[in-house]
Amino acid sequence: MDAFDTLQSAQPLRLVGSVVETTGATIAVADLPAPVGSLVRVDRSEGGPIGAEVIGFRDDKTLISPLSDVAGVRRGCRVTLTRTRRTLRVGEGLLGRVLNAHGDTIDGLPAPVLQARTPLHRQAPSPVDRPRITQSLSTGVRAIDSMLACGEGQRLGVFAGSGVGKSTLLGMMARRSAADVIVIGLVGERGREVNEFVERDLGPEGLARSVVVVATSDEPALVRLQAASTATAVAEHFRDRGKSVLLLLDSITRTALASREVGLAAGEPPTTRGYPPSTFALLPRLVERTGRTKQGIITAFYSVLVEGDDPNEPIADTMRGLLDGHVWLSRKIASRGVFPAIDISESLSRLMPQLVSKQHLQAAQTVRRLIAAYEENEDLITIGAYRRGTNPAVDAAIELRDQIEAFLAQDATSKTTPKTTQAGLLALAQKAAAILNRPTGAAANAAAAAPSASAPGAAKPKPAPAPRAAQPQPNK
């Protein structure tokens, strides 16, 4: 952060107000004309001071949302402005560390030495300053690299219901990705899952080049909301230093839920399914901060927790329109024990045609057609009503089903390279082409019935009898 930013964030004068009202987790303060987004300190009667953020105004009162428990706050407590602009300390010392939403380390290790500062909330890069995405990024997940190729700077969503394997998939990408730095935001997670993700899904190999930002489900809504911005700000810092950054945010849905809590507490009217307008304004601002710039790259994956497995619920529908592709995890596939449970037919990468070779794209389209053909006829196949030879695509799909499933499935600990992934995909496409080019129907029966001329002992065909000459008919 330069001197101008430091001057902007400085406190111009000492502003002090007092608590006059509390409504749920929102505190109304009198005589505090602080701007929205400012940090304030509330001096409680017992328990020590707590931090809070200005979220709005109502009549002559300033509304603040606390960053911790409000127990001990009473009418008349002093509220003091501490900072008008939020910043974070950042640097290379964050690699391998676990942070809270405020950017402080919580892993029990000594605090890192961080020389730089970055704003918590930044404007998205100008559209005309974004270079085209032309280079693919290996995620280390075979199903994504082969069928849903991701580009450096692309934004994709991982859509799934609860318990279908989102966190495991994100952990696989964190360990296997070719990016320089991984930034992981865990928003609204259960407390016990944080160490599980860091130790099991991420592992020492992934943690060494990662920064993990955590806000558990029991923390105030404003803290959970801030965690998404903190993870994005850390990713922006490394991007501005020329790094290729992979941002994994789990989940954007819990971020939206936290935004809904804050918005409703500030007095916003609920609109679609109880979400206030500010939530749908927040999502594009957060997503557009990532991507490719002239300085560096942020490739982002946002997990979307689909309520009731409904793909058209408001947050999922909004995110599909904002992102450059979506990866859909199917509960039906997961129930068969196939992981990652990616439903290829329902998933899409909008930039894949620009990122892979023509041969790779044609092979992926061939495999996708076979998957779709099997799904369309699955009921007939299951009950034995489908007759082989009726449809060549369905025949190929039946013969190659096990091989396609084995190719797309991948153990969380297994490794794959772009070269082996592409070779496996091309091999599947060649087998499919061989089956699709077989003669079928009457042509196949004729070919099977016709003896080969080169077969030993084959009977030679008898010559056809010569036509008999027409005999003259007697006159009647």
Protein backbone atom coordinates (compact mmCIF):
# COMPACT_ATOMS: atom_id res chain seq x y z
CA MET A 1 0.00 0.00 0.00
CA ASP A 2 1.42 3.40 -1.00
CA ALA A 3 1.49 6.65 0.98
CA PHE A 4 -1.76 7.87 -0.58
CA ASP A 5 -3.61 4.75 0.57
CA THR A 6 -2.14 5.17 4.05
CA LEU A 7 -3.36 8.75 4.15
CA GLN A 8 -6.84 7.70 3.02
CA SER A 9 -7.13 5.07 5.74
CA ALA A 10 -5.91 7.41 8.48
CA GLN A 11 -8.41 8.59 11.08
CA PRO A 12 -9.12 12.30 10.35
CA LEU A 13 -10.42 13.10 13.84
CA ARG A 14 -11.61 11.39 16.96
CA LEU A 15 -15.29 10.45 16.61
CA VAL A 16 -17.06 9.06 19.65
CA GLY A 17 -20.68 7.98 19.97
CA SER A 18 -22.78 5.93 22.38
CA VAL A 19 -24.96 2.84 22.15
CA VAL A 20 -28.69 3.62 22.21
CA GLU A 21 -30.28 0.41 20.95
CA THR A 22 -29.59 -3.21 19.99
CA THR A 23 -31.67 -5.34 17.63
CA GLY A 24 -30.44 -8.91 17.41
CA ALA A 25 -26.80 -8.63 16.39
CA THR A 26 -27.11 -5.02 15.20
CA ILE A 27 -26.19 -2.05 17.41
CA ALA A 28 -27.57 1.45 16.89
CA VAL A 29 -25.18 4.27 17.86
CA ALA A 30 -25.93 7.97 18.33
CA ASP A 31 -23.60 10.87 17.47
CA LEU A 32 -21.22 8.81 15.26
CA PRO A 33 -21.14 10.13 11.65
CA ALA A 34 -18.70 7.46 10.46
CA PRO A 35 -18.77 6.25 6.81
CA VAL A 36 -20.07 2.82 5.83
CA GLY A 37 -17.31 0.21 6.04
CA SER A 38 -15.46 1.95 8.88
CA LEU A 39 -14.13 0.05 11.87
CA VAL A 40 -15.20 1.09 15.35
CA ARG A 41 -14.47 -0.06 18.89
CA VAL A 42 -17.25 -0.70 21.39
CA ASP A 43 -16.17 -0.42 25.05
CA ARG A 44 -18.25 -2.95 26.98
CA SER A 45 -18.96 -2.73 30.68
CA GLU A 46 -17.31 -6.10 31.14
CA GLY A 47 -15.34 -8.42 28.90
CA GLY A 48 -13.18 -5.80 27.21
CA PRO A 49 -13.77 -3.85 23.96
CA ILE A 50 -15.00 -5.47 20.76
CA GLY A 51 -14.65 -4.45 17.13
CA ALA A 52 -17.54 -3.65 14.82
CA GLU A 53 -18.15 -2.32 11.32
CA VAL A 54 -20.50 0.41 10.16
CA ILE A 55 -23.13 -1.16 7.88
CA GLY A 56 -25.65 1.67 7.43
CA PHE A 57 -27.80 4.42 8.91
CA ARG A 58 -31.37 4.68 10.12
CA ASP A 59 -32.83 8.10 10.96
CA ASP A 60 -30.15 9.80 13.10
CA LYS A 61 -28.51 6.55 14.23
CA THR A 62 -25.49 4.74 12.85
CA LEU A 63 -25.90 0.97 12.53
CA ILE A 64 -22.90 -1.20 13.33
CA SER A 65 -22.45 -4.96 13.14
CA PRO A 66 -20.13 -6.50 15.78
CA LEU A 67 -17.22 -8.74 14.86
CA SER A 68 -17.63 -10.85 18.02
CA ASP A 69 -20.17 -11.65 20.73
CA VAL A 70 -22.26 -8.67 21.92
CA ALA A 71 -22.61 -9.95 25.51
CA GLY A 72 -21.84 -7.10 27.90
CA VAL A 73 -22.95 -4.29 25.57
CA ARG A 74 -25.44 -1.93 27.24
CA ARG A 75 -27.06 1.43 26.57
CA GLY A 76 -24.53 4.23 26.85
CA CYS A 77 -21.42 2.19 26.00
CA ARG A 78 -18.86 4.34 24.23
CA VAL A 79 -18.21 3.67 20.52
CA THR A 80 -15.02 5.09 18.98
CA LEU A 81 -14.04 5.30 15.30
CA THR A 82 -10.72 3.46 14.79
CA ARG A 83 -10.24 3.19 11.02
CA THR A 84 -12.12 4.43 7.97
CA ARG A 85 -10.63 1.94 5.51
CA ARG A 86 -9.96 -1.78 5.97
CA THR A 87 -6.52 -3.16 5.07
CA LEU A 88 -4.64 -6.44 5.55
CA ARG A 89 -0.99 -7.22 6.16
CA VAL A 90 0.25 -9.50 3.39
CA GLY A 91 3.47 -11.02 2.11
CA GLU A 92 5.32 -14.23 1.33
CA GLY A 93 5.20 -15.13 5.03
CA LEU A 94 1.51 -16.07 4.64
CA LEU A 95 2.35 -19.20 2.63
CA GLY A 96 1.69 -22.34 4.64
CA ARG A 97 -0.37 -20.45 7.25
CA VAL A 98 -3.99 -20.54 8.43
CA LEU A 99 -5.66 -17.15 8.97
CA ASN A 100 -8.94 -15.87 10.35
CA ALA A 101 -11.17 -13.41 8.52
CA HIS A 102 -9.17 -10.45 9.90
CA GLY A 103 -5.90 -11.77 8.43
CA ASP A 104 -4.44 -12.89 11.78
CA THR A 105 -2.76 -16.31 12.00
CA ILE A 106 -4.61 -18.92 14.09
CA ASP A 107 -2.39 -21.98 13.59
CA GLY A 108 -0.41 -21.52 16.79
CA LEU A 109 2.87 -20.72 15.01
CA PRO A 110 4.84 -17.47 15.45
CA ALA A 111 3.37 -14.48 13.65
CA PRO A 112 4.95 -13.92 10.23
CA VAL A 113 6.83 -10.78 9.32
CA LEU A 114 4.67 -9.00 6.72
CA GLN A 115 5.86 -5.76 5.18
CA ALA A 116 3.04 -4.97 2.72
CA ARG A 117 -0.58 -3.95 3.14
CA THR A 118 -3.47 -4.40 0.75
CA PRO A 119 -7.04 -3.04 0.85
CA LEU A 120 -9.70 -5.49 1.94
CA HIS A 121 -12.14 -4.25 -0.69
CA ARG A 122 -10.80 -3.31 -4.13
CA GLN A 123 -12.39 -2.38 -7.41
CA ALA A 124 -12.36 -5.03 -10.12
CA PRO A 125 -9.78 -4.53 -12.91
CA SER A 126 -11.00 -2.61 -15.94
CA PRO A 127 -12.48 -4.85 -18.66
CA VAL A 128 -10.13 -3.42 -21.28
CA ASP A 129 -7.11 -4.30 -19.13
CA ARG A 130 -7.91 -8.01 -19.11
CA PRO A 131 -5.90 -10.07 -21.64
CA ARG A 132 -7.61 -12.99 -23.35
CA ILE A 133 -7.41 -16.40 -21.69
CA THR A 134 -5.45 -18.63 -24.05
CA GLN A 135 -3.52 -21.03 -21.79
CA SER A 136 -5.06 -23.99 -19.97
CA LEU A 137 -4.29 -24.69 -16.32
CA SER A 138 -3.82 -28.26 -15.15
CA THR A 139 -5.96 -28.89 -12.05
CA GLY A 140 -4.71 -32.45 -11.55
CA VAL A 141 -8.30 -33.77 -11.74
CA ARG A 142 -8.60 -36.02 -14.78
CA ALA A 143 -12.31 -35.44 -15.38
CA ILE A 144 -11.86 -31.65 -15.42
CA ASP A 145 -8.65 -31.54 -17.45
CA SER A 146 -10.05 -33.87 -20.11
CA MET A 147 -13.73 -32.91 -20.40
CA LEU A 148 -13.94 -29.42 -18.81
CA ALA A 149 -10.60 -27.81 -19.52
CA CYS A 150 -9.95 -24.75 -17.33
CA GLY A 151 -7.94 -21.75 -18.49
CA GLU A 152 -5.56 -19.57 -16.48
CA GLY A 153 -7.77 -16.76 -15.23
CA GLN A 154 -11.07 -18.57 -15.73
CA ARG A 155 -13.81 -18.57 -13.06
CA LEU A 156 -15.78 -21.78 -12.54
CA GLY A 157 -18.36 -22.97 -10.04
CA VAL A 158 -18.54 -26.36 -8.32
CA PHE A 159 -22.27 -26.94 -7.83
CA ALA A 160 -23.47 -29.67 -5.48
CA GLY A 161 -25.70 -30.56 -2.59
CA SER A 162 -24.32 -31.30 0.85
CA GLY A 163 -22.08 -34.34 1.31
CA VAL A 164 -21.33 -34.99 -2.38
CA GLY A 165 -17.57 -34.31 -2.24
CA LYS A 166 -17.00 -30.58 -2.87
CA SER A 167 -14.28 -30.18 -0.25
CA THR A 168 -12.49 -33.34 -1.37
CA LEU A 169 -12.49 -32.11 -4.97
CA LEU A 170 -11.12 -28.71 -3.94
CA GLY A 171 -8.42 -30.44 -1.90
CA MET A 172 -7.41 -32.51 -4.94
CA MET A 173 -7.03 -29.35 -7.01
CA ALA A 174 -5.03 -27.63 -4.26
CA ARG A 175 -2.52 -30.50 -4.12
CA ARG A 176 -2.25 -31.20 -7.85
CA SER A 177 -2.76 -27.81 -9.50
CA ALA A 178 0.03 -26.26 -11.56
CA ALA A 179 -0.62 -22.79 -10.03
CA ASP A 180 2.17 -21.01 -8.12
CA VAL A 181 0.05 -20.07 -5.07
CA ILE A 182 -3.20 -21.53 -3.71
CA VAL A 183 -5.56 -19.37 -1.63
CA ILE A 184 -8.38 -21.27 0.08
CA GLY A 185 -11.35 -19.60 1.75
CA LEU A 186 -13.41 -21.79 4.10
CA VAL A 187 -16.56 -19.80 4.85
CA GLY A 188 -19.14 -21.10 7.31
CA GLU A 189 -17.46 -24.48 7.77
CA ARG A 190 -17.99 -26.69 10.80
CA GLY A 191 -15.10 -26.22 13.23
CA ARG A 192 -13.97 -29.84 13.17
CA GLU A 193 -13.72 -29.82 9.36
CA VAL A 194 -11.01 -27.16 9.25
CA ASN A 195 -8.22 -29.40 10.56
CA GLU A 196 -9.60 -32.31 8.52
CA PHE A 197 -9.33 -30.25 5.35
CA VAL A 198 -5.86 -28.90 6.17
CA GLU A 199 -4.38 -32.25 7.24
CA ARG A 200 -6.28 -34.76 5.10
CA ASP A 201 -7.53 -33.02 1.95
CA LEU A 202 -4.74 -30.44 1.61
CA GLY A 203 -1.82 -32.23 3.26
CA PRO A 204 1.72 -30.89 3.82
CA GLU A 205 2.39 -30.82 0.10
CA GLY A 206 -0.56 -28.56 -0.63
CA LEU A 207 -0.25 -26.43 2.50
CA ALA A 208 3.36 -25.44 1.71
CA ARG A 209 2.21 -23.20 -1.15
CA SER A 210 -1.22 -22.30 0.22
CA VAL A 211 -2.89 -19.67 2.37
CA VAL A 212 -6.02 -20.85 4.19
CA VAL A 213 -8.59 -18.28 5.40
CA VAL A 214 -11.17 -19.64 7.85
CA ALA A 215 -14.47 -18.34 9.28
CA THR A 216 -16.48 -21.06 11.01
CA SER A 217 -20.26 -21.26 11.14
CA ASP A 218 -20.49 -20.01 14.74
CA GLU A 219 -18.83 -16.66 13.99
CA PRO A 220 -20.88 -13.49 13.38
CA ALA A 221 -22.33 -12.98 9.90
CA LEU A 222 -20.06 -10.01 9.22
CA VAL A 223 -16.96 -12.11 9.95
CA ARG A 224 -18.14 -14.86 7.59
CA LEU A 225 -18.84 -12.27 4.94
CA GLN A 226 -15.42 -10.68 5.43
CA ALA A 227 -13.62 -14.03 5.03
CA ALA A 228 -14.50 -14.16 1.33
CA SER A 229 -13.08 -10.66 0.82
CA THR A 230 -9.96 -11.51 2.83
CA ALA A 231 -9.23 -14.59 0.69
CA THR A 232 -9.77 -12.56 -2.49
CA ALA A 233 -7.52 -9.73 -1.23
CA VAL A 234 -4.70 -12.16 -0.42
CA ALA A 235 -5.04 -13.68 -3.91
CA GLU A 236 -4.90 -10.18 -5.44
CA HIS A 237 -1.65 -9.46 -3.57
CA PHE A 238 0.11 -12.48 -5.07
CA ARG A 239 -1.41 -11.84 -8.50
CA ASP A 240 -0.05 -8.28 -8.54
CA ARG A 241 3.42 -9.76 -8.03
CA GLY A 242 3.19 -11.81 -11.22
CA LYS A 243 2.06 -15.11 -9.69
CA SER A 244 -0.45 -17.59 -11.07
CA VAL A 245 -2.93 -17.95 -8.19
CA LEU A 246 -5.65 -20.55 -7.73
CA LEU A 247 -8.46 -19.24 -5.49
CA LEU A 248 -10.77 -21.88 -3.99
CA LEU A 249 -13.73 -20.41 -2.10
CA ASP A 250 -15.92 -22.86 -0.18
CA SER A 251 -18.61 -21.77 -0.26
CA ILE A 252 -20.07 -18.77 -2.03
CA THR A 253 -23.53 -19.82 -0.84
CA ARG A 254 -22.59 -19.41 2.83
CA THR A 255 -21.09 -16.04 1.92
CA ALA A 256 -24.44 -15.05 0.40
CA LEU A 257 -26.26 -16.28 3.51
CA ALA A 258 -24.01 -14.10 5.69
CA SER A 259 -24.70 -11.15 3.38
CA ARG A 260 -28.43 -11.82 3.77
CA GLU A 261 -28.13 -11.68 7.56
CA VAL A 262 -26.24 -8.39 7.44
CA GLY A 263 -28.58 -6.86 4.87
CA LEU A 264 -31.76 -7.77 6.71
CA ALA A 265 -30.29 -6.49 9.98
CA ALA A 266 -29.57 -3.17 8.28
CA GLY A 267 -33.24 -2.88 7.25
CA GLU A 268 -33.11 -4.00 3.61
CA PRO A 269 -36.33 -5.50 2.22
CA PRO A 270 -36.19 -9.23 1.41
CA THR A 271 -36.73 -10.07 -2.26
CA THR A 272 -36.02 -13.47 -3.88
CA ARG A 273 -36.34 -16.21 -1.23
CA GLY A 274 -35.52 -13.74 1.50
CA TYR A 275 -32.29 -12.42 -0.06
CA PRO A 276 -31.97 -8.60 -0.06
CA PRO A 277 -30.78 -6.71 -3.16
CA SER A 278 -27.32 -6.16 -1.65
CA THR A 279 -26.58 -9.89 -1.83
CA PHE A 280 -27.07 -9.99 -5.60
CA ALA A 281 -24.92 -6.86 -5.90
CA LEU A 282 -22.16 -8.43 -3.77
CA LEU A 283 -21.69 -11.58 -5.88
CA PRO A 284 -20.57 -9.91 -9.16
CA ARG A 285 -18.31 -7.50 -7.27
CA LEU A 286 -16.56 -10.41 -5.58
CA VAL A 287 -16.28 -12.59 -8.69
CA GLU A 288 -15.08 -9.81 -11.00
CA ARG A 289 -12.07 -9.11 -8.75
CA THR A 290 -10.54 -12.38 -9.97
CA GLY A 291 -9.37 -13.30 -13.45
CA ARG A 292 -6.37 -12.51 -15.61
CA THR A 293 -4.68 -9.10 -15.66
CA LYS A 294 -1.48 -7.74 -17.15
CA GLN A 295 0.26 -8.28 -13.80
CA GLY A 296 -0.79 -11.85 -13.04
CA ILE A 297 -3.54 -14.44 -12.89
CA ILE A 298 -6.26 -15.54 -10.45
CA THR A 299 -8.05 -18.71 -11.51
CA ALA A 300 -11.07 -19.11 -9.24
CA PHE A 301 -13.29 -22.04 -8.26
CA TYR A 302 -16.37 -21.18 -6.19
CA SER A 303 -18.27 -23.99 -4.55
CA VAL A 304 -22.04 -23.46 -4.64
CA LEU A 305 -24.07 -25.36 -2.06
CA VAL A 306 -27.31 -26.13 -3.91
CA GLU A 307 -30.24 -26.20 -1.49
CA GLY A 308 -32.32 -29.34 -1.94
CA ASP A 309 -30.28 -30.27 -5.04
CA ASP A 310 -32.27 -27.61 -6.92
CA PRO A 311 -30.09 -26.20 -9.72
CA ASN A 312 -32.42 -23.22 -10.17
CA GLU A 313 -32.31 -21.85 -6.62
CA PRO A 314 -31.40 -18.11 -6.60
CA ILE A 315 -27.71 -18.20 -5.68
CA ALA A 316 -26.92 -21.11 -8.03
CA ASP A 317 -28.81 -19.47 -10.88
CA THR A 318 -27.04 -16.14 -10.31
CA MET A 319 -23.59 -17.72 -10.12
CA ARG A 320 -24.09 -19.68 -13.35
CA GLY A 321 -24.63 -16.38 -15.13
CA LEU A 322 -21.51 -14.80 -13.60
CA LEU A 323 -19.02 -17.64 -14.10
CA ASP A 324 -17.18 -19.00 -17.14
CA GLY A 325 -18.39 -22.55 -16.56
CA HIS A 326 -19.79 -24.90 -13.97
CA VAL A 327 -18.90 -28.34 -12.62
CA TRP A 328 -21.98 -30.21 -11.38
CA LEU A 329 -21.50 -32.92 -8.75
CA SER A 330 -24.25 -35.56 -8.85
CA ARG A 331 -25.61 -37.32 -5.78
CA LYS A 332 -26.65 -40.20 -8.04
CA ILE A 333 -23.07 -40.73 -9.24
CA ALA A 334 -21.71 -40.38 -5.70
CA SER A 335 -24.15 -43.03 -4.48
CA ARG A 336 -22.47 -45.50 -6.86
CA GLY A 337 -19.14 -44.82 -5.13
CA VAL A 338 -17.66 -42.92 -8.10
CA PHE A 339 -15.58 -39.89 -7.05
CA PRO A 340 -15.20 -37.14 -8.00
CA ALA A 341 -18.94 -37.40 -8.75
CA ILE A 342 -18.85 -35.02 -11.73
CA ASP A 343 -21.89 -35.18 -14.00
CA ILE A 344 -20.28 -34.47 -17.37
CA SER A 345 -23.61 -34.00 -19.15
CA GLU A 346 -24.63 -31.19 -16.79
CA SER A 347 -21.17 -29.55 -16.62
CA LEU A 348 -19.65 -27.03 -19.01
CA SER A 349 -16.47 -25.03 -19.56
CA ARG A 350 -17.22 -22.10 -21.83
CA LEU A 351 -13.57 -21.54 -22.74
CA MET A 352 -12.62 -25.14 -23.52
CA PRO A 353 -12.85 -24.74 -27.36
CA GLN A 354 -10.23 -21.97 -27.12
CA LEU A 355 -7.86 -23.84 -24.82
CA VAL A 356 -7.37 -27.34 -26.22
CA SER A 357 -6.37 -28.78 -29.58
CA LYS A 358 -8.97 -29.72 -32.18
CA GLN A 359 -8.18 -33.41 -31.65
CA HIS A 360 -8.67 -33.09 -27.88
CA LEU A 361 -11.96 -31.21 -28.34
CA GLN A 362 -13.33 -33.78 -30.81
CA ALA A 363 -12.38 -36.64 -28.47
CA ALA A 364 -14.12 -34.95 -25.54
CA GLN A 365 -17.24 -34.35 -27.62
CA THR A 366 -17.28 -38.01 -28.67
CA VAL A 367 -17.09 -39.22 -25.06
CA ARG A 368 -19.71 -36.67 -24.01
CA ARG A 369 -22.09 -37.97 -26.73
CA LEU A 370 -21.66 -41.54 -25.49
CA ILE A 371 -22.41 -40.50 -21.90
CA ALA A 372 -25.54 -38.64 -23.04
CA ALA A 373 -26.67 -41.58 -25.22
CA TYR A 374 -26.41 -43.99 -22.29
CA GLU A 375 -28.28 -41.67 -19.93
CA GLU A 376 -31.12 -41.18 -22.45
CA ASN A 377 -31.60 -44.94 -22.83
CA GLU A 378 -30.65 -46.05 -19.32
CA ASP A 379 -34.14 -47.24 -18.41
CA LEU A 380 -34.41 -49.43 -21.52
CA ILE A 381 -30.92 -50.81 -20.96
CA THR A 382 -31.58 -51.58 -17.31
CA ILE A 383 -34.74 -53.64 -17.96
CA GLY A 384 -33.20 -55.37 -20.99
CA ALA A 385 -35.59 -53.83 -23.53
CA TYR A 386 -32.85 -52.29 -25.67
CA ARG A 387 -31.78 -54.39 -28.69
CA ARG A 388 -28.16 -54.25 -29.75
CA GLY A 389 -27.69 -52.83 -33.22
CA THR A 390 -30.58 -50.39 -32.94
CA ASN A 391 -28.37 -47.35 -32.34
CA PRO A 392 -24.59 -47.41 -32.88
CA ALA A 393 -24.01 -44.63 -30.32
CA VAL A 394 -25.90 -46.54 -27.63
CA ASP A 395 -24.03 -49.73 -28.53
CA ALA A 396 -20.70 -47.92 -28.10
CA ALA A 397 -21.89 -46.35 -24.86
CA ILE A 398 -22.81 -49.77 -23.42
CA GLU A 399 -19.52 -51.38 -24.44
CA LEU A 400 -17.36 -48.51 -23.16
CA ARG A 401 -19.37 -47.54 -20.08
CA ASP A 402 -17.05 -49.21 -17.58
CA GLN A 403 -13.95 -47.82 -19.29
CA ILE A 404 -15.38 -44.27 -19.39
CA GLU A 405 -16.35 -44.45 -15.71
CA ALA A 406 -12.92 -45.78 -14.74
CA PHE A 407 -11.26 -42.95 -16.69
CA LEU A 408 -13.35 -40.20 -15.07
CA ALA A 409 -13.08 -41.63 -11.54
CA GLN A 410 -9.97 -40.74 -9.57
CA ASP A 411 -8.78 -41.53 -6.09
CA ALA A 412 -8.01 -38.50 -3.94
CA THR A 413 -4.37 -39.59 -3.58
CA SER A 414 -3.70 -40.57 -7.20
CA LYS A 415 -1.67 -38.33 -9.50
CA THR A 416 -2.16 -37.60 -13.17
CA THR A 417 -0.39 -35.42 -15.72
CA PRO A 418 -1.86 -33.50 -18.67
CA LYS A 419 -0.03 -35.84 -21.05
CA THR A 420 -1.45 -39.06 -19.58
CA THR A 421 -4.92 -37.50 -19.30
CA GLN A 422 -4.99 -36.52 -22.95
CA ALA A 423 -3.65 -39.92 -24.02
CA GLY A 424 -6.39 -41.70 -22.06
CA LEU A 425 -9.09 -39.49 -23.58
CA LEU A 426 -7.83 -40.05 -27.14
CA ALA A 427 -7.71 -43.81 -26.56
CA LEU A 428 -11.35 -43.80 -25.47
CA ALA A 429 -12.34 -41.76 -28.54
CA GLN A 430 -10.53 -44.19 -30.86
CA LYS A 431 -12.33 -47.17 -29.34
CA ALA A 432 -15.63 -45.34 -29.71
CA ALA A 433 -14.89 -44.56 -33.37
CA ALA A 434 -14.11 -48.22 -34.07
CA ILE A 435 -17.47 -49.28 -32.63
CA LEU A 436 -19.40 -46.50 -34.35
CA ASN A 437 -17.90 -47.44 -37.75
CA ARG A 438 -18.97 -51.06 -37.57
CA PRO A 439 -21.50 -52.09 -40.22
CA THR A 440 -24.97 -52.50 -38.75
CA GLY A 441 -28.37 -53.80 -39.79
CA ALA A 442 -28.74 -55.50 -43.19
CA ALA A 443 -25.20 -54.58 -44.19
CA ALA A 444 -23.82 -56.32 -41.11
CA ASN A 445 -25.94 -59.43 -41.75
CA ALA A 446 -24.87 -59.58 -45.38
CA ALA A 447 -21.22 -59.14 -44.42
CA ALA A 448 -21.51 -61.88 -41.81
CA ALA A 449 -23.29 -64.26 -44.20
CA ALA A 450 -20.97 -63.69 -47.19
CA PRO A 451 -18.01 -66.18 -47.15
CA SER A 452 -14.57 -64.75 -47.46
CA ALA A 453 -12.88 -65.32 -50.79
CA SER A 454 -9.57 -65.96 -49.11
CA ALA A 455 -10.87 -68.46 -46.55
CA PRO A 456 -9.41 -71.95 -47.11
CA GLY A 457 -11.92 -74.51 -48.36
CA ALA A 458 -14.50 -71.90 -49.10
CA ALA A 459 -16.95 -73.03 -51.75
CA LYS A 460 -16.77 -71.07 -54.94
CA PRO A 461 -20.04 -69.54 -56.03
CA LYS A 462 -21.71 -71.27 -58.96
CA PRO A 463 -22.01 -69.24 -62.16
CA ALA A 464 -25.48 -67.99 -62.87
CA PRO A 465 -27.27 -69.95 -65.69
CA ALA A 466 -27.28 -68.32 -69.12
CA PRO A 467 -30.57 -66.75 -70.12
CA ARG A 468 -32.68 -68.97 -72.36
CA ALA A 469 -33.56 -67.72 -75.81
CA ALA A 470 -37.15 -66.72 -76.34
CA GLN A 471 -39.20 -69.40 -78.19
CA PRO A 472 -41.53 -68.38 -81.07
CA GLN A 473 -45.20 -68.67 -80.16
CA PRO A 474 -47.66 -70.27 -82.61
CA ASN A 475 -50.28 -68.00 -84.17
CA LYS A 476 -53.77 -68.54 -82.86
